[in-house]
């Protein structure tokens, strides 16, 4: 049964990672994002948009040099016990065995740890409990990292490109595990990915970042319903609709719009796929932003 309530992620007055060495970092402008509990949110955007920065700030692994960060209604440090984070590089101790890694997870999280869940995720990958982490493939290390994260029984699970090194079968299995966990235990998941197509069917919310700002945010079904992919004669006007992106080929024009009334007679109009929606906004970085609230959100 889906839990009630919501999860908040807030950045005030902008936030940029503090750093003592000269390096390129992504500054995030003021950001306020709310997710109903138990939802899975796709976090997408171009390279440098701030996806990894946002997740690391929310997890408390980066400290902002200015502004403030709030997650789960408090600071990342205070929320640490209630959230879990899996980074792109999955930093596990190379000399520990799989079994020892899970025992360490239990010792570090004595009040919330679910050893049966962690062991099941590892067993589904047919991993040898006595194998050392340094001998595992990238996909196997990802499975162990996700076992640690879900074994912690977090309220909020932050995943940075978690499926990048998994084969299709493992990706399907672990996506199913995330969906089941969200539905059964109310775990809220924020998952970044560059492969937009693999998110469709597993995520019910979308957060699209661009240049450190929110470009699209809200329930996926509502965002898709708010747009139309239209095709018609190039000479026809798209007014009064909001045009996200348009392309002309000969006498034909194809555009992604946010309809403001009926579409032009004779034009073909279809609801875009997630990939079509995201790609159009990525190709048109100056398109107006859109944030939609979840109409089904329950009060705390």
Foldseek 3Di string as FASTA:
>chain_A
DADADKKKKWWPQKFWFDDPDDDDTFIAGTDIAMGTFLFEEEEEEDPRLCQLVSLCQLCVVTDTPDTAIDIRRHGNVVQNLQEEEAAPQLDDDQAQFLLVSLVVLCVVQVPQFDSVQLVVLLVVVVDDRRHGNNPDDPQSSLSSSVSSRVRSVHREYEYEASCVPPDPVNLVVVLVVSNVCSVPSRRYYYYYHPPQVSCPPRGQWYFYGGSNYTQETDGPVVVLVQKKWKKDFPVDDAPPWQWLDWDDDVGMIITITRDDDDGDPPMDIDRDDRVVVRVSCNVRVPRHGDYDYDPPRHHD
